[in-house]
Amino acid sequence: MGAKRNVMLAIRVTEEERRQIARRMEQAGVRSLRAFVLKMAVDGYIVNLDLSDVHEMVSLLRRSSNNLNQIAKRVNETRSIYEADIQDLREHYDKLWEQANRILKGLAKL
């Protein structure tokens, strides 16, 4: 026989929070508020995401985009492209792919 539930918990929510709970209950196919809240409180997952890798990737994308725009402007003006420019772009794109792979590996661990 299971343990007797003899402790009562009470919380207050806003109307919007109540609507959100109702939507989540519907999505989960649960009709009992008590069962839903108990299941989420005891067995639910809390996900804290470290987005520093994503911020780094956005920074790399900005730098690569700026470099590409500068090179495109110079090519339009001079009608030539330098090997150093191509190498710079390759290095930036390699860093982008490395960062993307780090992010994907981190997400796979969730």
C-alpha atoms as a PDB file:
ATOM      1  CA  MET A   1       0.000   0.000   0.000  1.00  0.00           C
ATOM      2  CA  GLY A   2       1.317   3.493  -0.898  1.00  0.00           C
ATOM      3  CA  ALA A   3       2.040   6.318   1.513  1.00  0.00           C
ATOM      4  CA  LYS A   4      -0.919   8.378   2.646  1.00  0.00           C
ATOM      5  CA  ARG A   5      -0.901  11.879   1.220  1.00  0.00           C
ATOM      6  CA  ASN A   6      -1.567  14.063   4.221  1.00  0.00           C
ATOM      7  CA  VAL A   7       0.229  17.316   3.341  1.00  0.00           C
ATOM      8  CA  MET A   8      -1.691  19.927   1.380  1.00  0.00           C
ATOM      9  CA  LEU A   9       0.029  22.421  -0.916  1.00  0.00           C
ATOM     10  CA  ALA A  10      -1.784  25.474  -2.264  1.00  0.00           C
ATOM     11  CA  ILE A  11      -0.598  28.007  -4.838  1.00  0.00           C
ATOM     12  CA  ARG A  12      -2.090  31.042  -6.481  1.00  0.00           C
ATOM     13  CA  VAL A  13      -1.808  31.635 -10.217  1.00  0.00           C
ATOM     14  CA  THR A  14      -2.899  34.350 -12.618  1.00  0.00           C
ATOM     15  CA  GLU A  15      -5.706  33.802 -15.102  1.00  0.00           C
ATOM     16  CA  GLU A  16      -3.132  33.573 -17.906  1.00  0.00           C
ATOM     17  CA  GLU A  17      -1.085  30.981 -15.994  1.00  0.00           C
ATOM     18  CA  ARG A  18      -4.257  28.970 -15.423  1.00  0.00           C
ATOM     19  CA  ARG A  19      -5.024  29.054 -19.162  1.00  0.00           C
ATOM     20  CA  GLN A  20      -1.465  27.924 -19.915  1.00  0.00           C
ATOM     21  CA  ILE A  21      -1.797  25.051 -17.454  1.00  0.00           C
ATOM     22  CA  ALA A  22      -5.093  24.066 -19.069  1.00  0.00           C
ATOM     23  CA  ARG A  23      -3.470  24.067 -22.527  1.00  0.00           C
ATOM     24  CA  ARG A  24      -0.583  21.925 -21.281  1.00  0.00           C
ATOM     25  CA  MET A  25      -3.024  19.521 -19.646  1.00  0.00           C
ATOM     26  CA  GLU A  26      -4.931  19.246 -22.913  1.00  0.00           C
ATOM     27  CA  GLN A  27      -1.714  18.638 -24.853  1.00  0.00           C
ATOM     28  CA  ALA A  28      -0.776  15.897 -22.382  1.00  0.00           C
ATOM     29  CA  GLY A  29      -4.253  14.368 -22.534  1.00  0.00           C
ATOM     30  CA  VAL A  30      -4.749  14.800 -18.782  1.00  0.00           C
ATOM     31  CA  ARG A  31      -8.095  15.880 -17.316  1.00  0.00           C
ATOM     32  CA  SER A  32      -7.278  15.986 -13.614  1.00  0.00           C
ATOM     33  CA  LEU A  33      -5.503  19.157 -12.475  1.00  0.00           C
ATOM     34  CA  ARG A  34      -4.363  17.390  -9.312  1.00  0.00           C
ATOM     35  CA  ALA A  35      -2.841  14.496 -11.258  1.00  0.00           C
ATOM     36  CA  PHE A  36      -1.183  16.839 -13.755  1.00  0.00           C
ATOM     37  CA  VAL A  37       0.359  19.158 -11.165  1.00  0.00           C
ATOM     38  CA  LEU A  38       1.522  16.242  -9.006  1.00  0.00           C
ATOM     39  CA  LYS A  39       3.093  14.450 -11.976  1.00  0.00           C
ATOM     40  CA  MET A  40       4.843  17.610 -13.201  1.00  0.00           C
ATOM     41  CA  ALA A  41       6.072  18.559  -9.712  1.00  0.00           C
ATOM     42  CA  VAL A  42       7.404  15.088  -8.889  1.00  0.00           C
ATOM     43  CA  ASP A  43       8.518  13.750 -12.280  1.00  0.00           C
ATOM     44  CA  GLY A  44       8.770  16.830 -14.501  1.00  0.00           C
ATOM     45  CA  TYR A  45      12.024  17.987 -16.019  1.00  0.00           C
ATOM     46  CA  ILE A  46      13.684  21.325 -15.436  1.00  0.00           C
ATOM     47  CA  VAL A  47      15.839  22.399 -18.352  1.00  0.00           C
ATOM     48  CA  ASN A  48      18.446  25.100 -17.842  1.00  0.00           C
ATOM     49  CA  LEU A  49      20.164  25.933 -21.094  1.00  0.00           C
ATOM     50  CA  ASP A  50      23.628  27.431 -21.318  1.00  0.00           C
ATOM     51  CA  LEU A  51      23.374  29.481 -24.492  1.00  0.00           C
ATOM     52  CA  SER A  52      26.974  30.737 -24.475  1.00  0.00           C
ATOM     53  CA  ASP A  53      27.806  28.465 -27.450  1.00  0.00           C
ATOM     54  CA  VAL A  54      24.883  29.925 -29.391  1.00  0.00           C
ATOM     55  CA  HIS A  55      25.990  33.478 -28.544  1.00  0.00           C
ATOM     56  CA  GLU A  56      29.500  32.620 -29.737  1.00  0.00           C
ATOM     57  CA  MET A  57      28.085  31.254 -32.999  1.00  0.00           C
ATOM     58  CA  VAL A  58      26.054  34.422 -33.555  1.00  0.00           C
ATOM     59  CA  SER A  59      29.219  36.445 -32.999  1.00  0.00           C
ATOM     60  CA  LEU A  60      31.100  34.282 -35.516  1.00  0.00           C
ATOM     61  CA  LEU A  61      28.259  34.686 -38.022  1.00  0.00           C
ATOM     62  CA  ARG A  62      28.365  38.471 -37.652  1.00  0.00           C
ATOM     63  CA  ARG A  63      32.130  38.585 -38.179  1.00  0.00           C
ATOM     64  CA  SER A  64      31.925  36.269 -41.195  1.00  0.00           C
ATOM     65  CA  SER A  65      29.095  38.290 -42.677  1.00  0.00           C
ATOM     66  CA  ASN A  66      31.022  41.544 -42.203  1.00  0.00           C
ATOM     67  CA  ASN A  67      34.147  40.031 -43.775  1.00  0.00           C
ATOM     68  CA  LEU A  68      32.159  38.718 -46.729  1.00  0.00           C
ATOM     69  CA  ASN A  69      30.537  42.123 -47.255  1.00  0.00           C
ATOM     70  CA  GLN A  70      33.925  43.861 -47.174  1.00  0.00           C
ATOM     71  CA  ILE A  71      35.381  41.381 -49.661  1.00  0.00           C
ATOM     72  CA  ALA A  72      32.362  41.710 -51.955  1.00  0.00           C
ATOM     73  CA  LYS A  73      32.701  45.494 -51.885  1.00  0.00           C
ATOM     74  CA  ARG A  74      36.404  45.285 -52.739  1.00  0.00           C
ATOM     75  CA  VAL A  75      35.765  42.757 -55.538  1.00  0.00           C
ATOM     76  CA  ASN A  76      33.119  45.042 -57.022  1.00  0.00           C
ATOM     77  CA  GLU A  77      35.553  47.960 -56.934  1.00  0.00           C
ATOM     78  CA  THR A  78      38.715  46.188 -58.158  1.00  0.00           C
ATOM     79  CA  ARG A  79      37.260  43.224 -60.086  1.00  0.00           C
ATOM     80  CA  SER A  80      39.728  40.914 -58.318  1.00  0.00           C
ATOM     81  CA  ILE A  81      39.856  38.811 -55.187  1.00  0.00           C
ATOM     82  CA  TYR A  82      42.891  38.003 -53.094  1.00  0.00           C
ATOM     83  CA  GLU A  83      43.949  34.552 -51.926  1.00  0.00           C
ATOM     84  CA  ALA A  84      44.197  35.930 -48.374  1.00  0.00           C
ATOM     85  CA  ASP A  85      40.511  36.922 -48.527  1.00  0.00           C
ATOM     86  CA  ILE A  86      39.499  33.421 -49.584  1.00  0.00           C
ATOM     87  CA  GLN A  87      41.647  31.893 -46.835  1.00  0.00           C
ATOM     88  CA  ASP A  88      40.119  34.248 -44.264  1.00  0.00           C
ATOM     89  CA  LEU A  89      36.616  33.203 -45.295  1.00  0.00           C
ATOM     90  CA  ARG A  90      37.546  29.517 -45.112  1.00  0.00           C
ATOM     91  CA  GLU A  91      38.926  29.951 -41.593  1.00  0.00           C
ATOM     92  CA  HIS A  92      35.797  31.745 -40.425  1.00  0.00           C
ATOM     93  CA  TYR A  93      33.524  29.101 -41.931  1.00  0.00           C
ATOM     94  CA  ASP A  94      35.603  26.333 -40.347  1.00  0.00           C
ATOM     95  CA  LYS A  95      35.126  28.030 -36.964  1.00  0.00           C
ATOM     96  CA  LEU A  96      31.399  28.317 -37.638  1.00  0.00           C
ATOM     97  CA  TRP A  97      31.105  24.603 -38.396  1.00  0.00           C
ATOM     98  CA  GLU A  98      33.126  23.714 -35.295  1.00  0.00           C
ATOM     99  CA  GLN A  99      30.802  25.825 -33.186  1.00  0.00           C
ATOM    100  CA  ALA A 100      27.706  24.330 -34.838  1.00  0.00           C
ATOM    101  CA  ASN A 101      29.004  20.831 -34.086  1.00  0.00           C
ATOM    102  CA  ARG A 102      29.629  21.776 -30.430  1.00  0.00           C
ATOM    103  CA  ILE A 103      26.063  23.048 -30.156  1.00  0.00           C
ATOM    104  CA  LEU A 104      24.622  19.919 -31.771  1.00  0.00           C
ATOM    105  CA  LYS A 105      26.633  17.639 -29.479  1.00  0.00           C
ATOM    106  CA  GLY A 106      25.411  19.592 -26.466  1.00  0.00           C
ATOM    107  CA  LEU A 107      21.798  19.332 -27.626  1.00  0.00           C
ATOM    108  CA  ALA A 108      22.180  15.601 -28.206  1.00  0.00           C
ATOM    109  CA  LYS A 109      23.048  15.205 -24.512  1.00  0.00           C
ATOM    110  CA  LEU A 110      19.685  16.646 -23.402  1.00  0.00           C
END
